[in-house]
C-alpha atoms as a PDB file:
ATOM      1  CA  UNK A   1      31.005 147.680 161.588  1.00  0.00           C
ATOM      2  CA  UNK A   2      32.397 147.445 165.084  1.00  0.00           C
ATOM      3  CA  UNK A   3      34.525 145.087 167.137  1.00  0.00           C
ATOM      4  CA  UNK A   4      36.296 145.048 170.506  1.00  0.00           C
ATOM      5  CA  UNK A   5      39.245 143.415 172.248  1.00  0.00           C
ATOM      6  CA  UNK A   6      37.577 142.842 175.633  1.00  0.00           C
ATOM      7  CA  UNK A   7      39.312 139.684 176.814  1.00  0.00           C
ATOM      8  CA  UNK A   8      39.081 137.619 180.006  1.00  0.00           C
ATOM      9  CA  UNK A   9      42.393 139.148 181.079  1.00  0.00           C
ATOM     10  CA  UNK A  10      40.959 142.670 180.843  1.00  0.00           C
ATOM     11  CA  UNK A  11      37.788 141.593 182.635  1.00  0.00           C
ATOM     12  CA  UNK A  12      39.965 140.184 185.404  1.00  0.00           C
ATOM     13  CA  UNK A  13      41.597 143.599 185.778  1.00  0.00           C
ATOM     14  CA  UNK A  14      38.204 145.267 186.246  1.00  0.00           C
ATOM     15  CA  UNK A  15      37.218 146.381 182.738  1.00  0.00           C
ATOM     16  CA  UNK A  16      33.671 145.129 182.297  1.00  0.00           C
ATOM     17  CA  UNK A  17      32.700 146.841 179.029  1.00  0.00           C
ATOM     18  CA  UNK A  18      34.278 148.119 175.806  1.00  0.00           C
ATOM     19  CA  UNK A  19      33.497 151.121 173.643  1.00  0.00           C
ATOM     20  CA  UNK A  20      30.178 150.554 171.951  1.00  0.00           C
ATOM     21  CA  UNK A  21      28.209 152.596 169.435  1.00  0.00           C
ATOM     22  CA  UNK A  22      24.586 152.921 170.535  1.00  0.00           C
ATOM     23  CA  UNK A  23      23.229 155.095 167.750  1.00  0.00           C
ATOM     24  CA  UNK A  24      24.408 157.097 164.751  1.00  0.00           C
ATOM     25  CA  UNK A  25      22.246 159.116 162.379  1.00  0.00           C
ATOM     26  CA  UNK A  26      22.498 161.728 159.629  1.00  0.00           C
ATOM     27  CA  UNK A  27      19.405 162.975 157.813  1.00  0.00           C
ATOM     28  CA  UNK A  28      19.128 165.901 155.423  1.00  0.00           C
ATOM     29  CA  UNK A  29      16.937 167.487 152.764  1.00  0.00           C
ATOM     30  CA  UNK A  30      17.407 170.472 150.461  1.00  0.00           C
ATOM     31  CA  UNK A  31      15.405 172.414 147.900  1.00  0.00           C
ATOM     32  CA  UNK A  32      16.273 175.300 145.617  1.00  0.00           C
ATOM     33  CA  UNK A  33      15.194 177.125 142.496  1.00  0.00           C
ATOM     34  CA  UNK A  34      14.017 180.442 141.054  1.00  0.00           C
ATOM     35  CA  UNK A  35      11.462 182.658 142.760  1.00  0.00           C
ATOM     36  CA  UNK A  36      11.426 185.182 139.914  1.00  0.00           C
ATOM     37  CA  UNK A  37      13.066 184.171 136.658  1.00  0.00           C
ATOM     38  CA  UNK A  38      16.495 185.726 136.140  1.00  0.00           C
ATOM     39  CA  UNK A  39      15.964 187.905 139.228  1.00  0.00           C
ATOM     40  CA  UNK A  40      15.571 186.020 142.537  1.00  0.00           C
ATOM     41  CA  UNK A  41      16.694 182.507 143.514  1.00  0.00           C
ATOM     42  CA  UNK A  42      16.457 180.552 146.758  1.00  0.00           C
ATOM     43  CA  UNK A  43      18.080 177.532 148.338  1.00  0.00           C
ATOM     44  CA  UNK A  44      17.203 175.879 151.650  1.00  0.00           C
ATOM     45  CA  UNK A  45      18.632 172.900 153.512  1.00  0.00           C
ATOM     46  CA  UNK A  46      17.712 170.996 156.668  1.00  0.00           C
ATOM     47  CA  UNK A  47      20.020 168.567 158.403  1.00  0.00           C
ATOM     48  CA  UNK A  48      20.082 166.644 161.684  1.00  0.00           C
ATOM     49  CA  UNK A  49      22.948 164.380 162.710  1.00  0.00           C
ATOM     50  CA  UNK A  50      24.550 162.924 165.777  1.00  0.00           C
ATOM     51  CA  UNK A  51      25.563 159.839 167.690  1.00  0.00           C
ATOM     52  CA  UNK A  52      25.444 158.099 171.061  1.00  0.00           C
ATOM     53  CA  UNK A  53      28.340 155.990 172.314  1.00  0.00           C
ATOM     54  CA  UNK A  54      29.255 154.074 175.434  1.00  0.00           C
ATOM     55  CA  UNK A  55      32.896 154.487 176.483  1.00  0.00           C
ATOM     56  CA  UNK A  56      34.692 151.800 178.459  1.00  0.00           C
ATOM     57  CA  UNK A  57      34.818 152.474 182.189  1.00  0.00           C
ATOM     58  CA  UNK A  58      32.505 155.508 182.029  1.00  0.00           C
ATOM     59  CA  UNK A  59      29.429 155.248 184.235  1.00  0.00           C
ATOM     60  CA  UNK A  60      26.663 157.237 185.839  1.00  0.00           C
ATOM     61  CA  UNK A  61      26.758 157.498 189.631  1.00  0.00           C
ATOM     62  CA  UNK A  62      24.133 155.148 191.038  1.00  0.00           C
ATOM     63  CA  UNK A  63      24.093 156.948 194.426  1.00  0.00           C
ATOM     64  CA  UNK A  64      23.822 160.485 193.046  1.00  0.00           C
ATOM     65  CA  UNK A  65      20.604 161.019 195.026  1.00  0.00           C
ATOM     66  CA  UNK A  66      22.230 160.128 198.374  1.00  0.00           C
ATOM     67  CA  UNK A  67      24.218 162.367 200.751  1.00  0.00           C
ATOM     68  CA  UNK A  68      27.255 162.020 202.997  1.00  0.00           C
ATOM     69  CA  UNK A  69      26.514 165.414 204.543  1.00  0.00           C
ATOM     70  CA  UNK A  70      23.904 165.777 207.324  1.00  0.00           C
ATOM     71  CA  UNK A  71      20.356 166.972 206.554  1.00  0.00           C
ATOM     72  CA  UNK A  72      20.065 170.757 206.354  1.00  0.00           C
ATOM     73  CA  UNK A  73      23.672 171.338 205.255  1.00  0.00           C
ATOM     74  CA  UNK A  74      24.201 174.164 202.747  1.00  0.00           C
ATOM     75  CA  UNK A  75      25.817 171.731 200.306  1.00  0.00           C
ATOM     76  CA  UNK A  76      25.688 168.035 199.546  1.00  0.00           C
ATOM     77  CA  UNK A  77      28.521 165.578 199.059  1.00  0.00           C
ATOM     78  CA  UNK A  78      27.325 162.417 197.376  1.00  0.00           C
ATOM     79  CA  UNK A  79      28.907 158.944 197.602  1.00  0.00           C
ATOM     80  CA  UNK A  80      30.189 157.339 194.429  1.00  0.00           C
ATOM     81  CA  UNK A  81      28.907 153.991 193.195  1.00  0.00           C
ATOM     82  CA  UNK A  82      29.566 153.196 189.516  1.00  0.00           C
ATOM     83  CA  UNK A  83      26.300 152.169 187.864  1.00  0.00           C
ATOM     84  CA  UNK A  84      27.777 149.267 185.923  1.00  0.00           C
ATOM     85  CA  UNK A  85      24.475 147.480 185.210  1.00  0.00           C
ATOM     86  CA  UNK A  86      22.550 150.535 183.969  1.00  0.00           C
ATOM     87  CA  UNK A  87      20.572 149.537 180.849  1.00  0.00           C
ATOM     88  CA  UNK A  88      22.292 150.579 177.650  1.00  0.00           C
ATOM     89  CA  UNK A  89      20.609 153.581 175.992  1.00  0.00           C
ATOM     90  CA  UNK A  90      21.468 156.780 174.127  1.00  0.00           C
ATOM     91  CA  UNK A  91      22.670 158.426 177.362  1.00  0.00           C
ATOM     92  CA  UNK A  92      24.865 155.640 178.620  1.00  0.00           C
ATOM     93  CA  UNK A  93      28.056 157.683 178.216  1.00  0.00           C
ATOM     94  CA  UNK A  94      28.301 160.285 175.452  1.00  0.00           C
ATOM     95  CA  UNK A  95      25.632 161.710 173.188  1.00  0.00           C
ATOM     96  CA  UNK A  96      25.900 164.417 170.551  1.00  0.00           C
ATOM     97  CA  UNK A  97      23.273 165.922 168.292  1.00  0.00           C
ATOM     98  CA  UNK A  98      23.201 168.821 165.853  1.00  0.00           C
ATOM     99  CA  UNK A  99      20.402 170.479 163.908  1.00  0.00           C
ATOM    100  CA  UNK A 100      20.899 172.949 161.085  1.00  0.00           C
ATOM    101  CA  UNK A 101      18.374 175.012 159.143  1.00  0.00           C
ATOM    102  CA  UNK A 102      20.032 177.108 156.451  1.00  0.00           C
ATOM    103  CA  UNK A 103      18.711 179.268 153.644  1.00  0.00           C
ATOM    104  CA  UNK A 104      20.059 181.472 150.879  1.00  0.00           C
ATOM    105  CA  UNK A 105      18.373 184.106 148.705  1.00  0.00           C
ATOM    106  CA  UNK A 106      20.159 185.675 145.732  1.00  0.00           C
ATOM    107  CA  UNK A 107      18.777 188.836 144.138  1.00  0.00           C
ATOM    108  CA  UNK A 108      19.917 190.249 140.818  1.00  0.00           C
ATOM    109  CA  UNK A 109      18.787 193.775 141.676  1.00  0.00           C
ATOM    110  CA  UNK A 110      20.085 195.248 138.416  1.00  0.00           C
ATOM    111  CA  UNK A 111      22.380 194.244 135.602  1.00  0.00           C
ATOM    112  CA  UNK A 112      25.458 195.297 137.601  1.00  0.00           C
ATOM    113  CA  UNK A 113      24.251 194.673 141.133  1.00  0.00           C
ATOM    114  CA  UNK A 114      23.824 191.296 142.825  1.00  0.00           C
ATOM    115  CA  UNK A 115      22.932 190.771 146.509  1.00  0.00           C
ATOM    116  CA  UNK A 116      23.218 187.470 148.363  1.00  0.00           C
ATOM    117  CA  UNK A 117      21.745 186.719 151.811  1.00  0.00           C
ATOM    118  CA  UNK A 118      22.573 183.566 153.769  1.00  0.00           C
ATOM    119  CA  UNK A 119      21.592 182.357 157.245  1.00  0.00           C
ATOM    120  CA  UNK A 120      22.359 179.145 159.105  1.00  0.00           C
ATOM    121  CA  UNK A 121      20.599 178.502 162.415  1.00  0.00           C
ATOM    122  CA  UNK A 122      22.005 175.641 164.473  1.00  0.00           C
ATOM    123  CA  UNK A 123      21.249 173.918 167.763  1.00  0.00           C
ATOM    124  CA  UNK A 124      23.793 171.483 169.122  1.00  0.00           C
ATOM    125  CA  UNK A 125      24.466 169.356 172.170  1.00  0.00           C
ATOM    126  CA  UNK A 126      27.674 167.671 173.364  1.00  0.00           C
ATOM    127  CA  UNK A 127      26.841 165.848 176.572  1.00  0.00           C
ATOM    128  CA  UNK A 128      28.223 163.084 178.728  1.00  0.00           C
ATOM    129  CA  UNK A 129      31.730 161.891 179.502  1.00  0.00           C
ATOM    130  CA  UNK A 130      34.359 160.383 177.213  1.00  0.00           C
ATOM    131  CA  UNK A 131      36.935 159.423 179.864  1.00  0.00           C
ATOM    132  CA  UNK A 132      36.894 157.064 182.825  1.00  0.00           C
ATOM    133  CA  UNK A 133      38.193 159.824 185.143  1.00  0.00           C
ATOM    134  CA  UNK A 134      34.766 161.505 185.093  1.00  0.00           C
ATOM    135  CA  UNK A 135      31.288 160.211 185.766  1.00  0.00           C
ATOM    136  CA  UNK A 136      28.749 161.024 183.072  1.00  0.00           C
ATOM    137  CA  UNK A 137      27.198 163.732 185.266  1.00  0.00           C
ATOM    138  CA  UNK A 138      30.401 165.699 185.792  1.00  0.00           C
ATOM    139  CA  UNK A 139      32.181 165.951 182.451  1.00  0.00           C
ATOM    140  CA  UNK A 140      33.174 169.592 181.949  1.00  0.00           C
ATOM    141  CA  UNK A 141      33.021 169.286 178.148  1.00  0.00           C
ATOM    142  CA  UNK A 142      29.220 169.021 178.078  1.00  0.00           C
ATOM    143  CA  UNK A 143      27.664 171.948 176.228  1.00  0.00           C
ATOM    144  CA  UNK A 144      24.364 173.084 174.786  1.00  0.00           C
ATOM    145  CA  UNK A 145      24.932 175.281 171.734  1.00  0.00           C
ATOM    146  CA  UNK A 146      21.728 177.274 171.575  1.00  0.00           C
ATOM    147  CA  UNK A 147      21.404 179.490 169.717  1.00  0.00           C
ATOM    148  CA  UNK A 148      24.160 179.349 167.123  1.00  0.00           C
ATOM    149  CA  UNK A 149      23.611 181.475 164.026  1.00  0.00           C
ATOM    150  CA  UNK A 150      25.703 182.572 161.087  1.00  0.00           C
ATOM    151  CA  UNK A 151      24.414 185.447 158.944  1.00  0.00           C
ATOM    152  CA  UNK A 152      26.072 186.796 155.805  1.00  0.00           C
ATOM    153  CA  UNK A 153      25.120 189.493 153.285  1.00  0.00           C
ATOM    154  CA  UNK A 154      27.285 190.150 150.228  1.00  0.00           C
ATOM    155  CA  UNK A 155      27.114 192.584 147.311  1.00  0.00           C
ATOM    156  CA  UNK A 156      29.137 192.612 144.118  1.00  0.00           C
ATOM    157  CA  UNK A 157      29.012 194.991 141.196  1.00  0.00           C
ATOM    158  CA  UNK A 158      31.107 194.694 138.007  1.00  0.00           C
ATOM    159  CA  UNK A 159      31.119 198.381 137.008  1.00  0.00           C
ATOM    160  CA  UNK A 160      33.023 197.656 133.792  1.00  0.00           C
ATOM    161  CA  UNK A 161      34.835 194.688 132.270  1.00  0.00           C
ATOM    162  CA  UNK A 162      37.865 195.757 134.332  1.00  0.00           C
ATOM    163  CA  UNK A 163      36.458 197.241 137.549  1.00  0.00           C
ATOM    164  CA  UNK A 164      34.761 195.138 140.257  1.00  0.00           C
ATOM    165  CA  UNK A 165      33.324 196.403 143.558  1.00  0.00           C
ATOM    166  CA  UNK A 166      32.540 194.016 146.428  1.00  0.00           C
ATOM    167  CA  UNK A 167      31.187 194.397 149.962  1.00  0.00           C
ATOM    168  CA  UNK A 168      30.029 192.056 152.677  1.00  0.00           C
ATOM    169  CA  UNK A 169      28.767 191.766 156.236  1.00  0.00           C
ATOM    170  CA  UNK A 170      28.888 188.704 158.463  1.00  0.00           C
ATOM    171  CA  UNK A 171      27.781 187.866 161.996  1.00  0.00           C
ATOM    172  CA  UNK A 172      28.493 184.759 164.036  1.00  0.00           C
ATOM    173  CA  UNK A 173      26.255 184.412 167.091  1.00  0.00           C
ATOM    174  CA  UNK A 174      27.479 181.590 169.297  1.00  0.00           C
ATOM    175  CA  UNK A 175      26.384 180.538 172.771  1.00  0.00           C
ATOM    176  CA  UNK A 176      28.152 177.809 174.772  1.00  0.00           C
ATOM    177  CA  UNK A 177      26.051 176.839 177.779  1.00  0.00           C
ATOM    178  CA  UNK A 178      26.715 174.122 180.309  1.00  0.00           C
ATOM    179  CA  UNK A 179      23.768 172.710 182.176  1.00  0.00           C
ATOM    180  CA  UNK A 180      23.189 170.216 184.958  1.00  0.00           C
ATOM    181  CA  UNK A 181      22.783 166.598 183.995  1.00  0.00           C
ATOM    182  CA  UNK A 182      20.105 164.411 185.605  1.00  0.00           C
ATOM    183  CA  UNK A 183      20.747 164.016 189.310  1.00  0.00           C
ATOM    184  CA  UNK A 184      22.855 167.168 189.636  1.00  0.00           C
ATOM    185  CA  UNK A 185      21.471 170.143 191.571  1.00  0.00           C
ATOM    186  CA  UNK A 186      23.129 173.500 192.466  1.00  0.00           C
ATOM    187  CA  UNK A 187      23.992 172.352 195.994  1.00  0.00           C
ATOM    188  CA  UNK A 188      25.936 169.213 194.951  1.00  0.00           C
ATOM    189  CA  UNK A 189      29.675 169.789 195.414  1.00  0.00           C
ATOM    190  CA  UNK A 190      32.288 168.437 193.038  1.00  0.00           C
ATOM    191  CA  UNK A 191      34.586 165.736 194.430  1.00  0.00           C
ATOM    192  CA  UNK A 192      37.855 164.593 192.875  1.00  0.00           C
ATOM    193  CA  UNK A 193      39.197 161.414 194.454  1.00  0.00           C
ATOM    194  CA  UNK A 194      42.878 161.159 193.558  1.00  0.00           C
ATOM    195  CA  UNK A 195      43.085 157.674 195.016  1.00  0.00           C
ATOM    196  CA  UNK A 196      40.456 156.273 192.660  1.00  0.00           C
ATOM    197  CA  UNK A 197      41.226 158.719 189.850  1.00  0.00           C
ATOM    198  CA  UNK A 198      37.605 159.857 189.451  1.00  0.00           C
ATOM    199  CA  UNK A 199      35.612 163.082 189.628  1.00  0.00           C
ATOM    200  CA  UNK A 200      31.968 162.764 190.669  1.00  0.00           C
ATOM    201  CA  UNK A 201      29.058 164.702 192.146  1.00  0.00           C
ATOM    202  CA  UNK A 202      29.138 167.643 189.740  1.00  0.00           C
ATOM    203  CA  UNK A 203      31.433 169.695 187.597  1.00  0.00           C
ATOM    204  CA  UNK A 204      33.456 172.218 189.609  1.00  0.00           C
ATOM    205  CA  UNK A 205      32.333 175.192 187.461  1.00  0.00           C
ATOM    206  CA  UNK A 206      29.757 175.812 184.756  1.00  0.00           C
ATOM    207  CA  UNK A 207      29.309 178.341 181.985  1.00  0.00           C
ATOM    208  CA  UNK A 208      25.688 179.422 181.939  1.00  0.00           C
ATOM    209  CA  UNK A 209      23.377 181.895 180.291  1.00  0.00           C
ATOM    210  CA  UNK A 210      24.332 184.319 178.985  1.00  0.00           C
ATOM    211  CA  UNK A 211      27.426 182.859 177.396  1.00  0.00           C
ATOM    212  CA  UNK A 212      27.960 184.590 174.094  1.00  0.00           C
ATOM    213  CA  UNK A 213      31.135 184.601 172.029  1.00  0.00           C
ATOM    214  CA  UNK A 214      29.975 186.666 169.058  1.00  0.00           C
ATOM    215  CA  UNK A 215      31.781 188.126 166.063  1.00  0.00           C
ATOM    216  CA  UNK A 216      30.747 190.603 163.385  1.00  0.00           C
ATOM    217  CA  UNK A 217      32.782 191.528 160.338  1.00  0.00           C
ATOM    218  CA  UNK A 218      32.568 193.916 157.379  1.00  0.00           C
ATOM    219  CA  UNK A 219      34.597 194.181 154.202  1.00  0.00           C
ATOM    220  CA  UNK A 220      34.830 196.335 151.078  1.00  0.00           C
ATOM    221  CA  UNK A 221      37.193 195.978 148.131  1.00  0.00           C
ATOM    222  CA  UNK A 222      37.840 197.369 144.681  1.00  0.00           C
ATOM    223  CA  UNK A 223      39.571 195.307 141.973  1.00  0.00           C
ATOM    224  CA  UNK A 224      40.960 196.624 138.694  1.00  0.00           C
ATOM    225  CA  UNK A 225      42.191 194.058 136.168  1.00  0.00           C
ATOM    226  CA  UNK A 226      43.833 194.338 132.772  1.00  0.00           C
ATOM    227  CA  UNK A 227      45.546 191.681 130.726  1.00  0.00           C
ATOM    228  CA  UNK A 228      48.881 192.000 132.532  1.00  0.00           C
ATOM    229  CA  UNK A 229      47.968 193.963 135.634  1.00  0.00           C
ATOM    230  CA  UNK A 230      45.740 193.254 138.653  1.00  0.00           C
ATOM    231  CA  UNK A 231      45.232 195.839 141.390  1.00  0.00           C
ATOM    232  CA  UNK A 232      43.102 195.417 144.505  1.00  0.00           C
ATOM    233  CA  UNK A 233      42.521 197.518 147.605  1.00  0.00           C
ATOM    234  CA  UNK A 234      40.056 197.392 150.458  1.00  0.00           C
ATOM    235  CA  UNK A 235      39.317 197.318 154.158  1.00  0.00           C
ATOM    236  CA  UNK A 236      38.258 194.602 156.592  1.00  0.00           C
ATOM    237  CA  UNK A 237      36.845 195.208 160.056  1.00  0.00           C
ATOM    238  CA  UNK A 238      35.894 192.822 162.846  1.00  0.00           C
ATOM    239  CA  UNK A 239      34.245 193.175 166.255  1.00  0.00           C
ATOM    240  CA  UNK A 240      34.553 190.555 168.993  1.00  0.00           C
ATOM    241  CA  UNK A 241      32.174 190.228 171.957  1.00  0.00           C
ATOM    242  CA  UNK A 242      32.393 187.948 174.988  1.00  0.00           C
ATOM    243  CA  UNK A 243      29.611 187.869 177.561  1.00  0.00           C
ATOM    244  CA  UNK A 244      29.696 184.836 179.832  1.00  0.00           C
ATOM    245  CA  UNK A 245      28.327 183.888 183.219  1.00  0.00           C
ATOM    246  CA  UNK A 246      30.414 181.569 185.430  1.00  0.00           C
ATOM    247  CA  UNK A 247      29.081 179.726 188.456  1.00  0.00           C
ATOM    248  CA  UNK A 248      30.354 176.916 190.661  1.00  0.00           C
ATOM    249  CA  UNK A 249      28.202 174.289 192.317  1.00  0.00           C
ATOM    250  CA  UNK A 250      27.990 175.027 196.062  1.00  0.00           C
ATOM    251  CA  UNK A 251      30.960 177.418 195.548  1.00  0.00           C
ATOM    252  CA  UNK A 252      33.006 174.547 196.916  1.00  0.00           C
ATOM    253  CA  UNK A 253      34.836 171.482 195.627  1.00  0.00           C
ATOM    254  CA  UNK A 254      36.649 168.730 197.495  1.00  0.00           C
ATOM    255  CA  UNK A 255      39.713 166.599 196.952  1.00  0.00           C
ATOM    256  CA  UNK A 256      39.539 163.098 198.464  1.00  0.00           C
ATOM    257  CA  UNK A 257      42.032 160.270 198.697  1.00  0.00           C
ATOM    258  CA  UNK A 258      40.270 156.918 198.821  1.00  0.00           C
ATOM    259  CA  UNK A 259      37.066 158.451 200.251  1.00  0.00           C
ATOM    260  CA  UNK A 260      38.941 160.591 202.816  1.00  0.00           C
ATOM    261  CA  UNK A 261      38.816 164.414 202.436  1.00  0.00           C
ATOM    262  CA  UNK A 262      42.282 166.030 202.200  1.00  0.00           C
ATOM    263  CA  UNK A 263      41.556 169.550 200.844  1.00  0.00           C
ATOM    264  CA  UNK A 264      38.837 171.968 199.727  1.00  0.00           C
ATOM    265  CA  UNK A 265      38.670 174.687 197.090  1.00  0.00           C
ATOM    266  CA  UNK A 266      36.359 177.654 197.678  1.00  0.00           C
ATOM    267  CA  UNK A 267      35.126 179.850 194.832  1.00  0.00           C
ATOM    268  CA  UNK A 268      33.693 183.355 194.688  1.00  0.00           C
ATOM    269  CA  UNK A 269      31.024 182.671 192.106  1.00  0.00           C
ATOM    270  CA  UNK A 270      28.850 183.566 190.333  1.00  0.00           C
ATOM    271  CA  UNK A 271      30.473 186.267 188.264  1.00  0.00           C
ATOM    272  CA  UNK A 272      30.050 187.741 184.797  1.00  0.00           C
ATOM    273  CA  UNK A 273      32.833 188.339 182.292  1.00  0.00           C
ATOM    274  CA  UNK A 274      32.524 191.007 179.596  1.00  0.00           C
ATOM    275  CA  UNK A 275      35.082 191.602 176.864  1.00  0.00           C
ATOM    276  CA  UNK A 276      35.135 193.506 173.569  1.00  0.00           C
ATOM    277  CA  UNK A 277      37.663 193.804 170.775  1.00  0.00           C
ATOM    278  CA  UNK A 278      37.952 195.558 167.431  1.00  0.00           C
ATOM    279  CA  UNK A 279      40.231 194.911 164.459  1.00  0.00           C
ATOM    280  CA  UNK A 280      40.706 197.022 161.346  1.00  0.00           C
ATOM    281  CA  UNK A 281      42.752 196.002 158.331  1.00  0.00           C
ATOM    282  CA  UNK A 282      43.589 198.119 155.274  1.00  0.00           C
ATOM    283  CA  UNK A 283      45.359 196.529 152.328  1.00  0.00           C
ATOM    284  CA  UNK A 284      46.676 197.284 148.858  1.00  0.00           C
ATOM    285  CA  UNK A 285      48.009 194.612 146.519  1.00  0.00           C
ATOM    286  CA  UNK A 286      49.296 194.751 142.979  1.00  0.00           C
ATOM    287  CA  UNK A 287      50.330 192.112 140.480  1.00  0.00           C
ATOM    288  CA  UNK A 288      52.274 192.756 137.268  1.00  0.00           C
ATOM    289  CA  UNK A 289      53.133 190.231 134.577  1.00  0.00           C
ATOM    290  CA  UNK A 290      56.143 191.040 132.396  1.00  0.00           C
ATOM    291  CA  UNK A 291      57.111 188.362 129.889  1.00  0.00           C
ATOM    292  CA  UNK A 292      57.776 185.237 131.987  1.00  0.00           C
ATOM    293  CA  UNK A 293      57.967 187.093 135.288  1.00  0.00           C
ATOM    294  CA  UNK A 294      55.190 187.916 137.754  1.00  0.00           C
ATOM    295  CA  UNK A 295      55.773 190.634 140.336  1.00  0.00           C
ATOM    296  CA  UNK A 296      53.549 190.589 143.437  1.00  0.00           C
ATOM    297  CA  UNK A 297      53.514 193.683 145.634  1.00  0.00           C
ATOM    298  CA  UNK A 298      51.367 194.340 148.666  1.00  0.00           C
ATOM    299  CA  UNK A 299      51.076 196.190 151.923  1.00  0.00           C
ATOM    300  CA  UNK A 300      48.635 195.707 154.789  1.00  0.00           C
ATOM    301  CA  UNK A 301      48.127 197.529 158.059  1.00  0.00           C
ATOM    302  CA  UNK A 302      46.194 195.928 160.929  1.00  0.00           C
ATOM    303  CA  UNK A 303      45.275 197.650 164.164  1.00  0.00           C
END
């Protein structure tokens, strides 16, 4: 259900369209069961979901293929003409889509040993503009998430009725790429016109392949429980990796005021950014119950 408040007064002030949902979808399927009775189980799920929406005052640039710069110039500056009569479709303003394929296998290796493996592979896209200060081609928040994966392996082993051992490994593989939208080429410079309050031509900078922000983590713990006493100790480790490639269209962007250039920004791109981090946590916690009182003690060291 959808409505709008687009009145004649707003049309008279230049607003010709209201927010409008073009498409919304969410489809999924799952299946699970035993592979080997009392030993191995599986579960799998597929899902695709997303939406397309037109935002008020957000348009493609109808003259994106034209140039204000002379032929043979090392960069192009395009004129801006809002494409107000472009036919409404799934790329009229903002479109998002996500696909997920996940699976889990659980293995009862022995009476006291259980192993669980899980993976979720995702592909996502957030594209197009959501604000009238950017044309659809130039919105900096347009990303292609490909690939995105989450992997997890866990092990637990109740050694006795009081002693439990647990361990796990996890990895998050995430890539955030920005790509050119239709009509944008590497030589098209970004223009921000402060008189009209609009950015057009291209985004000033892009994050391209590779663009990983990955994490891996490991954990191990031992828990000892009696009727009135619970003791747990363990370690947790985490590794962080950043590997991203930054580039700027034409290595140049302009600031205009009502179609008149007033300043330029030059960039020394492309460049690559590498970063690594490591965290280690060691903890001990203890809980005692005495009559109506519960005493919680714990210490943790992170470095």
